[in-house]
Amino acid sequence: MEHEHKKSIIDAGEVTTARLETLVDGVFAIAMTLLVLDIHIPDLVSGANSSDLFVQVIALWPRILSFLITFIILGMFWVGHHTEFRYIKKLDNELMWQNIFYLLFVSFLPFTAALLGRYPFNQAAVIIYGVHLSIMVLLHYFMWQHASKHTGLAVENLDPRVNKQANRLVYFAVPFYALAILLSFWRIEASLIIYAVLPLPYIFGWTYKWI
């Protein structure tokens, strides 16, 4: 008689989310903090006055803008992850590794943001930023799809509106990031505006009212 193959605790989806959520919170906190490190205190020559310092600070606007936009976008991603994990109660191996690769891109975002801050009107920097954010949105989407469609990972009797909301978030964000990339071939300023305003529907809860 052949022995029945038993799944590991991980493969069986019996691992709780507590440790993963702690890791996610830590990576997001570090990534959001690292963003500010690209904003350096201006170096003034001897005898410089307040006006000189003010001019130097104003010259930092691309890096400050990149910091603000990216900080808010990371906050948007964290809120989405936190909200969805209210309904995800267990992990399997695939979901854990999807989260690990998701965090890989989260931790790399300070570099992409710094690139955009230093070269805001360079098309390559604008495209890299948009591609990076698009990948993060898609990874976020695939995590939720895996969790919601595999028995035992998400809560029972999941409200269909939760699935609809998760889908709407990716359907809204990815096309606009793609549009920002395409607009960079015409006017880079238009791409930067899209990056800046895209979080607004999430901040003000407009996307949640469109269910």
N, C-alpha and C. Protein backbone atom coordinates (compact mmCIF):
# COMPACT_ATOMS: atom_id res chain seq x y z
N MET A 1 0.85 -1.19 0.00
CA MET A 1 0.00 0.00 0.00
C MET A 1 0.88 1.24 0.00
N GLU A 2 0.65 2.10 -0.90
CA GLU A 2 1.47 3.29 -1.01
C GLU A 2 1.07 4.29 0.07
N HIS A 3 2.11 4.95 0.59
CA HIS A 3 1.85 5.97 1.59
C HIS A 3 1.29 7.22 0.92
N GLU A 4 0.29 7.78 1.52
CA GLU A 4 -0.31 9.00 0.99
C GLU A 4 0.66 10.16 1.17
N HIS A 5 0.87 10.89 0.10
CA HIS A 5 1.78 12.04 0.17
C HIS A 5 1.14 13.17 0.97
N LYS A 6 1.82 13.57 1.99
CA LYS A 6 1.32 14.65 2.83
C LYS A 6 2.01 15.96 2.47
N LYS A 7 1.22 16.99 2.33
CA LYS A 7 1.77 18.30 2.04
C LYS A 7 2.45 18.86 3.28
N SER A 8 3.46 19.70 3.06
CA SER A 8 4.09 20.39 4.17
C SER A 8 3.12 21.42 4.72
N ILE A 9 3.42 21.94 5.89
CA ILE A 9 2.57 22.96 6.50
C ILE A 9 2.44 24.16 5.57
N ILE A 10 3.55 24.52 4.89
CA ILE A 10 3.54 25.67 4.00
C ILE A 10 2.68 25.40 2.78
N ASP A 11 2.92 24.23 2.13
CA ASP A 11 2.17 23.91 0.92
C ASP A 11 0.69 23.73 1.21
N ALA A 12 0.37 23.31 2.41
CA ALA A 12 -1.03 23.09 2.76
C ALA A 12 -1.76 24.39 3.11
N GLY A 13 -1.05 25.49 3.14
CA GLY A 13 -1.68 26.77 3.44
C GLY A 13 -2.07 26.90 4.89
N GLU A 14 -1.20 26.43 5.78
CA GLU A 14 -1.51 26.44 7.20
C GLU A 14 -0.65 27.42 7.99
N VAL A 15 0.11 28.25 7.28
CA VAL A 15 0.97 29.23 7.94
C VAL A 15 0.22 30.54 8.08
N THR A 16 0.24 31.12 9.26
CA THR A 16 -0.46 32.39 9.47
C THR A 16 0.34 33.55 8.86
N THR A 17 -0.29 34.70 8.79
CA THR A 17 0.30 35.85 8.09
C THR A 17 1.08 36.79 9.00
N ALA A 18 1.10 36.53 10.30
CA ALA A 18 1.65 37.50 11.25
C ALA A 18 3.09 37.87 10.94
N ARG A 19 3.95 36.86 10.75
CA ARG A 19 5.37 37.15 10.49
C ARG A 19 5.55 37.89 9.18
N LEU A 20 4.80 37.49 8.17
CA LEU A 20 4.91 38.16 6.87
C LEU A 20 4.48 39.61 6.97
N GLU A 21 3.38 39.88 7.66
CA GLU A 21 2.91 41.26 7.79
C GLU A 21 3.91 42.11 8.54
N THR A 22 4.60 41.52 9.52
CA THR A 22 5.65 42.25 10.23
C THR A 22 6.79 42.60 9.29
N LEU A 23 7.18 41.63 8.45
CA LEU A 23 8.24 41.88 7.47
C LEU A 23 7.82 42.97 6.49
N VAL A 24 6.59 42.89 6.01
CA VAL A 24 6.08 43.89 5.06
C VAL A 24 6.12 45.29 5.67
N ASP A 25 5.64 45.40 6.90
CA ASP A 25 5.65 46.71 7.57
C ASP A 25 7.06 47.25 7.71
N GLY A 26 8.00 46.37 8.04
CA GLY A 26 9.39 46.80 8.21
C GLY A 26 10.02 47.27 6.92
N VAL A 27 9.79 46.51 5.83
CA VAL A 27 10.37 46.88 4.54
C VAL A 27 9.78 48.20 4.04
N PHE A 28 8.48 48.36 4.19
CA PHE A 28 7.85 49.61 3.77
C PHE A 28 8.39 50.78 4.59
N ALA A 29 8.53 50.59 5.90
CA ALA A 29 9.02 51.67 6.76
C ALA A 29 10.44 52.08 6.36
N ILE A 30 11.30 51.10 6.10
CA ILE A 30 12.68 51.41 5.71
C ILE A 30 12.72 52.08 4.35
N ALA A 31 11.96 51.55 3.39
CA ALA A 31 11.95 52.13 2.04
C ALA A 31 11.45 53.58 2.07
N MET A 32 10.42 53.84 2.84
CA MET A 32 9.87 55.20 2.92
C MET A 32 10.85 56.14 3.60
N THR A 33 11.62 55.63 4.55
CA THR A 33 12.63 56.46 5.22
C THR A 33 13.82 56.74 4.31
N LEU A 34 14.24 55.72 3.55
CA LEU A 34 15.40 55.88 2.67
C LEU A 34 15.16 56.94 1.59
N LEU A 35 13.92 57.21 1.26
CA LEU A 35 13.62 58.17 0.20
C LEU A 35 14.23 59.54 0.49
N VAL A 36 14.22 59.93 1.75
CA VAL A 36 14.67 61.28 2.10
C VAL A 36 16.18 61.43 2.00
N LEU A 37 16.91 60.32 1.97
CA LEU A 37 18.37 60.40 1.96
C LEU A 37 18.93 60.97 0.66
N ASP A 38 18.11 61.03 -0.36
CA ASP A 38 18.59 61.63 -1.61
C ASP A 38 18.48 63.15 -1.61
N ILE A 39 17.86 63.71 -0.57
CA ILE A 39 17.75 65.17 -0.46
C ILE A 39 18.88 65.64 0.46
N HIS A 40 19.90 66.22 -0.13
CA HIS A 40 21.10 66.60 0.62
C HIS A 40 21.06 68.09 1.01
N ILE A 41 21.63 68.37 2.15
CA ILE A 41 21.75 69.77 2.59
C ILE A 41 22.67 70.51 1.62
N PRO A 42 22.25 71.68 1.12
CA PRO A 42 23.09 72.43 0.16
C PRO A 42 24.41 72.87 0.79
N ASP A 43 25.45 72.85 -0.01
CA ASP A 43 26.76 73.34 0.42
C ASP A 43 26.90 74.79 -0.03
N LEU A 44 27.08 75.68 0.93
CA LEU A 44 27.20 77.11 0.63
C LEU A 44 28.65 77.55 0.76
N VAL A 45 29.04 78.45 -0.11
CA VAL A 45 30.38 79.01 -0.04
C VAL A 45 30.45 79.99 1.12
N SER A 46 31.64 80.28 1.55
CA SER A 46 31.83 81.22 2.65
C SER A 46 31.25 82.59 2.29
N GLY A 47 30.50 83.17 3.20
CA GLY A 47 29.92 84.49 2.98
C GLY A 47 28.54 84.45 2.33
N ALA A 48 28.02 83.25 2.09
CA ALA A 48 26.70 83.14 1.47
C ALA A 48 25.63 83.64 2.44
N ASN A 49 24.60 84.26 1.90
CA ASN A 49 23.54 84.80 2.75
C ASN A 49 22.27 83.95 2.66
N SER A 50 21.22 84.43 3.29
CA SER A 50 19.96 83.68 3.32
C SER A 50 19.37 83.49 1.93
N SER A 51 19.53 84.49 1.09
CA SER A 51 19.00 84.38 -0.28
C SER A 51 19.70 83.26 -1.04
N ASP A 52 21.01 83.14 -0.83
CA ASP A 52 21.76 82.08 -1.50
C ASP A 52 21.26 80.70 -1.05
N LEU A 53 21.01 80.56 0.25
CA LEU A 53 20.51 79.29 0.77
C LEU A 53 19.12 79.00 0.21
N PHE A 54 18.30 80.04 0.14
CA PHE A 54 16.95 79.85 -0.38
C PHE A 54 16.99 79.38 -1.83
N VAL A 55 17.88 79.96 -2.63
CA VAL A 55 18.02 79.57 -4.02
C VAL A 55 18.46 78.11 -4.12
N GLN A 56 19.39 77.72 -3.24
CA GLN A 56 19.89 76.34 -3.26
C GLN A 56 18.79 75.35 -2.87
N VAL A 57 17.97 75.73 -1.92
CA VAL A 57 16.88 74.85 -1.50
C VAL A 57 15.85 74.72 -2.62
N ILE A 58 15.54 75.84 -3.27
CA ILE A 58 14.60 75.80 -4.39
C ILE A 58 15.12 74.88 -5.50
N ALA A 59 16.44 74.87 -5.68
CA ALA A 59 17.04 74.03 -6.72
C ALA A 59 16.85 72.54 -6.43
N LEU A 60 16.51 72.22 -5.19
CA LEU A 60 16.29 70.81 -4.82
C LEU A 60 14.89 70.33 -5.15
N TRP A 61 14.05 71.17 -5.78
CA TRP A 61 12.65 70.83 -5.96
C TRP A 61 12.43 69.50 -6.68
N PRO A 62 13.24 69.12 -7.68
CA PRO A 62 12.95 67.81 -8.31
C PRO A 62 13.09 66.65 -7.33
N ARG A 63 14.11 66.71 -6.47
CA ARG A 63 14.30 65.62 -5.51
C ARG A 63 13.22 65.65 -4.43
N ILE A 64 12.84 66.84 -4.01
CA ILE A 64 11.78 66.94 -3.00
C ILE A 64 10.46 66.44 -3.57
N LEU A 65 10.18 66.81 -4.82
CA LEU A 65 8.94 66.36 -5.45
C LEU A 65 8.93 64.84 -5.62
N SER A 66 10.05 64.29 -6.05
CA SER A 66 10.16 62.84 -6.20
C SER A 66 9.96 62.15 -4.86
N PHE A 67 10.53 62.73 -3.80
CA PHE A 67 10.36 62.17 -2.45
C PHE A 67 8.88 62.18 -2.05
N LEU A 68 8.21 63.30 -2.24
CA LEU A 68 6.81 63.42 -1.83
C LEU A 68 5.91 62.45 -2.60
N ILE A 69 6.09 62.43 -3.92
CA ILE A 69 5.25 61.56 -4.75
C ILE A 69 5.46 60.10 -4.38
N THR A 70 6.73 59.69 -4.27
CA THR A 70 7.03 58.29 -4.01
C THR A 70 6.63 57.88 -2.60
N PHE A 71 6.79 58.77 -1.64
CA PHE A 71 6.37 58.47 -0.27
C PHE A 71 4.86 58.19 -0.23
N ILE A 72 4.11 59.03 -0.91
CA ILE A 72 2.65 58.86 -0.94
C ILE A 72 2.27 57.58 -1.70
N ILE A 73 2.97 57.31 -2.80
CA ILE A 73 2.69 56.08 -3.56
C ILE A 73 2.99 54.85 -2.72
N LEU A 74 4.10 54.86 -2.00
CA LEU A 74 4.39 53.73 -1.11
C LEU A 74 3.33 53.59 -0.04
N GLY A 75 2.86 54.73 0.46
CA GLY A 75 1.77 54.68 1.42
C GLY A 75 0.52 54.06 0.81
N MET A 76 0.26 54.39 -0.44
CA MET A 76 -0.88 53.82 -1.16
C MET A 76 -0.75 52.30 -1.27
N PHE A 77 0.44 51.84 -1.62
CA PHE A 77 0.68 50.40 -1.73
C PHE A 77 0.54 49.71 -0.37
N TRP A 78 1.05 50.37 0.67
CA TRP A 78 0.96 49.76 2.00
C TRP A 78 -0.49 49.64 2.45
N VAL A 79 -1.28 50.69 2.22
CA VAL A 79 -2.69 50.64 2.59
C VAL A 79 -3.39 49.51 1.86
N GLY A 80 -3.09 49.35 0.56
CA GLY A 80 -3.70 48.28 -0.22
C GLY A 80 -3.33 46.91 0.31
N HIS A 81 -2.05 46.73 0.61
CA HIS A 81 -1.58 45.44 1.15
C HIS A 81 -2.21 45.17 2.51
N HIS A 82 -2.22 46.18 3.36
CA HIS A 82 -2.80 46.03 4.70
C HIS A 82 -4.29 45.70 4.62
N THR A 83 -5.00 46.37 3.72
CA THR A 83 -6.44 46.14 3.59
C THR A 83 -6.73 44.72 3.11
N GLU A 84 -5.98 44.27 2.11
CA GLU A 84 -6.23 42.94 1.57
C GLU A 84 -5.88 41.84 2.58
N PHE A 85 -4.86 42.09 3.40
CA PHE A 85 -4.48 41.06 4.38
C PHE A 85 -5.42 41.02 5.58
N ARG A 86 -6.39 41.90 5.60
CA ARG A 86 -7.47 41.74 6.57
C ARG A 86 -8.33 40.54 6.19
N TYR A 87 -8.29 40.17 4.91
CA TYR A 87 -9.11 39.06 4.42
C TYR A 87 -8.28 37.82 4.12
N ILE A 88 -6.95 37.94 4.17
CA ILE A 88 -6.08 36.79 3.96
C ILE A 88 -5.61 36.29 5.33
N LYS A 89 -5.92 35.06 5.65
CA LYS A 89 -5.64 34.54 6.98
C LYS A 89 -4.54 33.49 7.01
N LYS A 90 -4.26 32.87 5.86
CA LYS A 90 -3.24 31.82 5.80
C LYS A 90 -2.34 32.05 4.59
N LEU A 91 -1.17 31.42 4.61
CA LEU A 91 -0.20 31.53 3.52
C LEU A 91 0.15 30.15 3.00
N ASP A 92 0.41 30.06 1.71
CA ASP A 92 1.06 28.88 1.16
C ASP A 92 2.40 29.32 0.59
N ASN A 93 3.16 28.39 0.05
CA ASN A 93 4.51 28.70 -0.42
C ASN A 93 4.49 29.75 -1.53
N GLU A 94 3.56 29.60 -2.46
CA GLU A 94 3.52 30.54 -3.59
C GLU A 94 3.19 31.95 -3.14
N LEU A 95 2.24 32.08 -2.23
CA LEU A 95 1.86 33.42 -1.76
C LEU A 95 3.00 34.07 -0.98
N MET A 96 3.73 33.27 -0.21
CA MET A 96 4.86 33.84 0.52
C MET A 96 5.92 34.38 -0.42
N TRP A 97 6.24 33.61 -1.47
CA TRP A 97 7.28 34.06 -2.39
C TRP A 97 6.80 35.19 -3.29
N GLN A 98 5.52 35.23 -3.58
CA GLN A 98 4.99 36.39 -4.30
C GLN A 98 5.20 37.65 -3.48
N ASN A 99 4.98 37.56 -2.19
CA ASN A 99 5.19 38.70 -1.30
C ASN A 99 6.67 39.07 -1.22
N ILE A 100 7.54 38.08 -1.20
CA ILE A 100 8.99 38.37 -1.14
C ILE A 100 9.43 39.14 -2.38
N PHE A 101 8.98 38.71 -3.55
CA PHE A 101 9.35 39.42 -4.78
C PHE A 101 8.70 40.80 -4.85
N TYR A 102 7.51 40.91 -4.29
CA TYR A 102 6.86 42.21 -4.19
C TYR A 102 7.70 43.15 -3.33
N LEU A 103 8.19 42.66 -2.21
CA LEU A 103 9.02 43.48 -1.32
C LEU A 103 10.37 43.81 -1.96
N LEU A 104 10.84 42.96 -2.86
CA LEU A 104 12.06 43.26 -3.60
C LEU A 104 11.91 44.57 -4.36
N PHE A 105 10.77 44.74 -5.01
CA PHE A 105 10.53 45.96 -5.78
C PHE A 105 10.22 47.14 -4.86
N VAL A 106 9.60 46.88 -3.72
CA VAL A 106 9.37 47.95 -2.75
C VAL A 106 10.70 48.50 -2.26
N SER A 107 11.62 47.62 -1.92
CA SER A 107 12.90 48.05 -1.37
C SER A 107 13.78 48.73 -2.42
N PHE A 108 13.53 48.45 -3.71
CA PHE A 108 14.32 49.06 -4.78
C PHE A 108 13.76 50.40 -5.23
N LEU A 109 12.55 50.73 -4.79
CA LEU A 109 11.91 51.96 -5.25
C LEU A 109 12.67 53.23 -4.85
N PRO A 110 13.34 53.30 -3.68
CA PRO A 110 14.13 54.51 -3.38
C PRO A 110 15.18 54.81 -4.45
N PHE A 111 15.77 53.78 -5.05
CA PHE A 111 16.73 54.02 -6.13
C PHE A 111 16.04 54.62 -7.35
N THR A 112 14.91 54.04 -7.74
CA THR A 112 14.18 54.54 -8.90
C THR A 112 13.70 55.96 -8.67
N ALA A 113 13.26 56.24 -7.43
CA ALA A 113 12.80 57.59 -7.10
C ALA A 113 13.96 58.58 -7.14
N ALA A 114 15.12 58.16 -6.65
CA ALA A 114 16.30 59.02 -6.68
C ALA A 114 16.72 59.32 -8.12
N LEU A 115 16.59 58.32 -8.98
CA LEU A 115 16.91 58.50 -10.40
C LEU A 115 16.00 59.56 -11.01
N LEU A 116 14.71 59.47 -10.69
CA LEU A 116 13.76 60.45 -11.20
C LEU A 116 14.02 61.83 -10.62
N GLY A 117 14.39 61.88 -9.33
CA GLY A 117 14.65 63.16 -8.69
C GLY A 117 15.87 63.87 -9.26
N ARG A 118 16.86 63.11 -9.64
CA ARG A 118 18.08 63.73 -10.19
C ARG A 118 17.94 64.07 -11.67
N TYR A 119 17.15 63.29 -12.39
CA TYR A 119 16.99 63.52 -13.83
C TYR A 119 15.50 63.56 -14.18
N PRO A 120 14.77 64.55 -13.66
CA PRO A 120 13.31 64.57 -13.84
C PRO A 120 12.85 64.77 -15.27
N PHE A 121 13.70 65.33 -16.11
CA PHE A 121 13.30 65.57 -17.49
C PHE A 121 14.05 64.66 -18.46
N ASN A 122 14.60 63.59 -17.90
CA ASN A 122 15.24 62.56 -18.72
C ASN A 122 14.21 61.46 -18.97
N GLN A 123 13.93 61.17 -20.23
CA GLN A 123 12.87 60.22 -20.55
C GLN A 123 13.14 58.84 -19.97
N ALA A 124 14.38 58.42 -19.96
CA ALA A 124 14.72 57.09 -19.43
C ALA A 124 14.32 56.98 -17.96
N ALA A 125 14.61 58.03 -17.18
CA ALA A 125 14.26 58.01 -15.76
C ALA A 125 12.76 57.96 -15.56
N VAL A 126 12.01 58.69 -16.39
CA VAL A 126 10.55 58.71 -16.30
C VAL A 126 9.97 57.35 -16.65
N ILE A 127 10.51 56.72 -17.69
CA ILE A 127 10.01 55.41 -18.11
C ILE A 127 10.33 54.34 -17.06
N ILE A 128 11.55 54.35 -16.55
CA ILE A 128 11.94 53.37 -15.53
C ILE A 128 11.03 53.47 -14.31
N TYR A 129 10.72 54.70 -13.91
CA TYR A 129 9.84 54.92 -12.76
C TYR A 129 8.45 54.33 -13.03
N GLY A 130 7.91 54.59 -14.20
CA GLY A 130 6.58 54.08 -14.54
C GLY A 130 6.55 52.57 -14.65
N VAL A 131 7.57 51.99 -15.24
CA VAL A 131 7.64 50.53 -15.36
C VAL A 131 7.74 49.89 -13.98
N HIS A 132 8.56 50.49 -13.13
CA HIS A 132 8.72 49.97 -11.76
C HIS A 132 7.38 49.95 -11.02
N LEU A 133 6.66 51.05 -11.07
CA LEU A 133 5.36 51.13 -10.39
C LEU A 133 4.34 50.16 -10.99
N SER A 134 4.38 50.00 -12.30
CA SER A 134 3.47 49.06 -12.96
C SER A 134 3.73 47.63 -12.50
N ILE A 135 4.99 47.27 -12.38
CA ILE A 135 5.34 45.93 -11.91
C ILE A 135 4.84 45.71 -10.49
N MET A 136 4.98 46.73 -9.65
CA MET A 136 4.51 46.60 -8.27
C MET A 136 2.99 46.41 -8.22
N VAL A 137 2.26 47.15 -9.04
CA VAL A 137 0.80 47.01 -9.07
C VAL A 137 0.42 45.61 -9.52
N LEU A 138 1.08 45.10 -10.55
CA LEU A 138 0.75 43.78 -11.08
C LEU A 138 1.09 42.68 -10.07
N LEU A 139 2.22 42.81 -9.39
CA LEU A 139 2.57 41.83 -8.37
C LEU A 139 1.54 41.84 -7.24
N HIS A 140 1.12 43.03 -6.87
CA HIS A 140 0.08 43.17 -5.85
C HIS A 140 -1.21 42.47 -6.30
N TYR A 141 -1.55 42.65 -7.55
CA TYR A 141 -2.75 42.05 -8.12
C TYR A 141 -2.66 40.53 -8.11
N PHE A 142 -1.51 39.99 -8.55
CA PHE A 142 -1.35 38.54 -8.61
C PHE A 142 -1.39 37.92 -7.21
N MET A 143 -0.86 38.61 -6.22
CA MET A 143 -0.94 38.10 -4.85
C MET A 143 -2.38 37.94 -4.41
N TRP A 144 -3.18 38.97 -4.67
CA TRP A 144 -4.57 38.91 -4.24
C TRP A 144 -5.33 37.83 -5.01
N GLN A 145 -5.10 37.75 -6.32
CA GLN A 145 -5.78 36.74 -7.11
C GLN A 145 -5.45 35.33 -6.61
N HIS A 146 -4.21 35.08 -6.29
CA HIS A 146 -3.81 33.77 -5.78
C HIS A 146 -4.50 33.48 -4.45
N ALA A 147 -4.48 34.46 -3.55
CA ALA A 147 -5.04 34.25 -2.23
C ALA A 147 -6.55 34.06 -2.27
N SER A 148 -7.22 34.85 -3.10
CA SER A 148 -8.69 34.81 -3.12
C SER A 148 -9.24 33.59 -3.84
N LYS A 149 -8.43 32.98 -4.72
CA LYS A 149 -8.92 31.85 -5.50
C LYS A 149 -8.49 30.49 -4.96
N HIS A 150 -7.65 30.48 -3.93
CA HIS A 150 -7.21 29.22 -3.34
C HIS A 150 -7.91 29.00 -2.00
N THR A 151 -8.58 27.92 -1.90
CA THR A 151 -9.37 27.61 -0.70
C THR A 151 -8.50 27.59 0.54
N GLY A 152 -8.96 28.26 1.57
CA GLY A 152 -8.29 28.22 2.86
C GLY A 152 -7.36 29.38 3.12
N LEU A 153 -7.01 30.16 2.09
CA LEU A 153 -6.09 31.27 2.30
C LEU A 153 -6.85 32.53 2.74
N ALA A 154 -7.93 32.81 2.07
CA ALA A 154 -8.74 33.98 2.42
C ALA A 154 -9.90 33.55 3.32
N VAL A 155 -10.55 34.53 3.91
CA VAL A 155 -11.68 34.24 4.79
C VAL A 155 -12.81 33.62 3.98
N GLU A 156 -13.65 32.87 4.65
CA GLU A 156 -14.80 32.27 3.98
C GLU A 156 -15.86 33.34 3.69
N ASN A 157 -16.64 33.05 2.67
CA ASN A 157 -17.74 33.95 2.29
C ASN A 157 -17.23 35.37 2.04
N LEU A 158 -16.17 35.46 1.26
CA LEU A 158 -15.57 36.75 0.95
C LEU A 158 -16.57 37.62 0.18
N ASP A 159 -16.74 38.83 0.64
CA ASP A 159 -17.66 39.77 0.00
C ASP A 159 -17.19 40.02 -1.44
N PRO A 160 -18.05 39.81 -2.43
CA PRO A 160 -17.65 40.04 -3.83
C PRO A 160 -17.14 41.46 -4.08
N ARG A 161 -17.57 42.41 -3.27
CA ARG A 161 -17.12 43.79 -3.45
C ARG A 161 -15.63 43.93 -3.18
N VAL A 162 -15.09 43.05 -2.32
CA VAL A 162 -13.65 43.11 -2.04
C VAL A 162 -12.86 42.74 -3.29
N ASN A 163 -13.29 41.67 -3.96
CA ASN A 163 -12.64 41.28 -5.21
C ASN A 163 -12.78 42.37 -6.26
N LYS A 164 -13.96 42.93 -6.35
CA LYS A 164 -14.20 44.00 -7.32
C LYS A 164 -13.30 45.19 -7.06
N GLN A 165 -13.13 45.52 -5.77
CA GLN A 165 -12.28 46.65 -5.41
C GLN A 165 -10.82 46.37 -5.75
N ALA A 166 -10.34 45.17 -5.43
CA ALA A 166 -8.96 44.81 -5.72
C ALA A 166 -8.68 44.88 -7.21
N ASN A 167 -9.62 44.40 -8.02
CA ASN A 167 -9.45 44.44 -9.46
C ASN A 167 -9.47 45.88 -9.98
N ARG A 168 -10.35 46.69 -9.40
CA ARG A 168 -10.47 48.07 -9.86
C ARG A 168 -9.18 48.85 -9.61
N LEU A 169 -8.51 48.56 -8.51
CA LEU A 169 -7.28 49.28 -8.19
C LEU A 169 -6.23 49.06 -9.27
N VAL A 170 -6.09 47.81 -9.73
CA VAL A 170 -5.08 47.54 -10.76
C VAL A 170 -5.55 48.03 -12.12
N TYR A 171 -6.85 47.91 -12.41
CA TYR A 171 -7.36 48.38 -13.70
C TYR A 171 -7.25 49.90 -13.82
N PHE A 172 -7.24 50.57 -12.68
CA PHE A 172 -7.13 52.03 -12.69
C PHE A 172 -5.67 52.47 -12.80
N ALA A 173 -4.79 51.83 -12.03
CA ALA A 173 -3.41 52.31 -11.93
C ALA A 173 -2.57 51.97 -13.16
N VAL A 174 -2.61 50.71 -13.59
CA VAL A 174 -1.72 50.29 -14.67
C VAL A 174 -1.94 51.08 -15.96
N PRO A 175 -3.18 51.30 -16.41
CA PRO A 175 -3.34 52.09 -17.63
C PRO A 175 -2.79 53.51 -17.52
N PHE A 176 -2.93 54.12 -16.34
CA PHE A 176 -2.42 55.48 -16.18
C PHE A 176 -0.89 55.50 -16.15
N TYR A 177 -0.28 54.49 -15.54
CA TYR A 177 1.19 54.42 -15.58
C TYR A 177 1.66 54.18 -17.01
N ALA A 178 0.94 53.35 -17.75
CA ALA A 178 1.27 53.12 -19.15
C ALA A 178 1.11 54.42 -19.95
N LEU A 179 0.05 55.17 -19.65
CA LEU A 179 -0.16 56.46 -20.32
C LEU A 179 0.98 57.42 -20.02
N ALA A 180 1.44 57.44 -18.77
CA ALA A 180 2.56 58.31 -18.40
C ALA A 180 3.81 57.96 -19.19
N ILE A 181 4.04 56.67 -19.37
CA ILE A 181 5.20 56.23 -20.15
C ILE A 181 5.08 56.69 -21.60
N LEU A 182 3.90 56.52 -22.18
CA LEU A 182 3.69 56.93 -23.57
C LEU A 182 3.81 58.44 -23.74
N LEU A 183 3.27 59.19 -22.77
CA LEU A 183 3.33 60.65 -22.86
C LEU A 183 4.76 61.18 -22.74
N SER A 184 5.65 60.39 -22.18
CA SER A 184 7.04 60.84 -22.05
C SER A 184 7.69 61.03 -23.42
N PHE A 185 7.13 60.40 -24.44
CA PHE A 185 7.66 60.59 -25.79
C PHE A 185 7.19 61.92 -26.38
N TRP A 186 6.20 62.53 -25.73
CA TRP A 186 5.67 63.81 -26.20
C TRP A 186 6.04 64.93 -25.24
N ARG A 187 5.54 64.87 -24.02
CA ARG A 187 5.84 65.88 -23.01
C ARG A 187 6.10 65.19 -21.67
N ILE A 188 7.34 65.26 -21.21
CA ILE A 188 7.70 64.61 -19.95
C ILE A 188 6.93 65.22 -18.79
N GLU A 189 6.64 66.52 -18.90
CA GLU A 189 5.88 67.18 -17.83
C GLU A 189 4.53 66.51 -17.61
N ALA A 190 3.90 66.05 -18.69
CA ALA A 190 2.61 65.37 -18.57
C ALA A 190 2.75 64.06 -17.80
N SER A 191 3.85 63.36 -18.02
CA SER A 191 4.10 62.12 -17.30
C SER A 191 4.25 62.39 -15.81
N LEU A 192 5.00 63.43 -15.48
CA LEU A 192 5.21 63.77 -14.07
C LEU A 192 3.90 64.16 -13.38
N ILE A 193 3.03 64.83 -14.11
CA ILE A 193 1.73 65.21 -13.55
C ILE A 193 0.91 63.97 -13.22
N ILE A 194 0.93 62.99 -14.11
CA ILE A 194 0.18 61.75 -13.86
C ILE A 194 0.71 61.05 -12.62
N TYR A 195 2.04 60.95 -12.51
CA TYR A 195 2.62 60.32 -11.31
C TYR A 195 2.19 61.05 -10.05
N ALA A 196 2.08 62.38 -10.14
CA ALA A 196 1.76 63.18 -8.96
C ALA A 196 0.30 63.07 -8.55
N VAL A 197 -0.61 63.00 -9.54
CA VAL A 197 -2.04 63.04 -9.21
C VAL A 197 -2.67 61.67 -9.08
N LEU A 198 -2.02 60.62 -9.57
CA LEU A 198 -2.63 59.29 -9.54
C LEU A 198 -3.01 58.82 -8.13
N PRO A 199 -2.22 59.12 -7.08
CA PRO A 199 -2.62 58.66 -5.75
C PRO A 199 -3.87 59.35 -5.19
N LEU A 200 -4.28 60.49 -5.76
CA LEU A 200 -5.37 61.25 -5.18
C LEU A 200 -6.68 60.46 -5.03
N PRO A 201 -7.10 59.68 -6.04
CA PRO A 201 -8.33 58.90 -5.85
C PRO A 201 -8.26 57.92 -4.69
N TYR A 202 -7.05 57.42 -4.41
CA TYR A 202 -6.88 56.50 -3.29
C TYR A 202 -6.89 57.26 -1.96
N ILE A 203 -6.23 58.42 -1.95
CA ILE A 203 -6.15 59.20 -0.72
C ILE A 203 -7.54 59.67 -0.28
N PHE A 204 -8.33 60.15 -1.22
CA PHE A 204 -9.64 60.69 -0.89
C PHE A 204 -10.75 59.64 -0.91
N GLY A 205 -10.37 58.40 -1.19
CA GLY A 205 -11.33 57.30 -1.15
C GLY A 205 -12.28 57.25 -2.31
N TRP A 206 -11.95 57.94 -3.41
CA TRP A 206 -12.86 57.95 -4.56
C TRP A 206 -13.00 56.56 -5.17
N THR A 207 -11.89 55.80 -5.21
CA THR A 207 -11.97 54.47 -5.80
C THR A 207 -12.89 53.56 -5.02
N TYR A 208 -12.96 53.76 -3.70
CA TYR A 208 -13.83 52.91 -2.89
C TYR A 208 -15.31 53.26 -3.08
N LYS A 209 -15.57 54.50 -3.52
CA LYS A 209 -16.95 54.92 -3.75
C LYS A 209 -17.46 54.48 -5.12
N TRP A 210 -16.53 53.98 -5.96
CA TRP A 210 -16.91 53.60 -7.31
C TRP A 210 -17.28 52.12 -7.42
N ILE A 211 -17.43 51.46 -6.29
CA ILE A 211 -17.75 50.04 -6.32
C ILE A 211 -19.22 49.86 -6.76
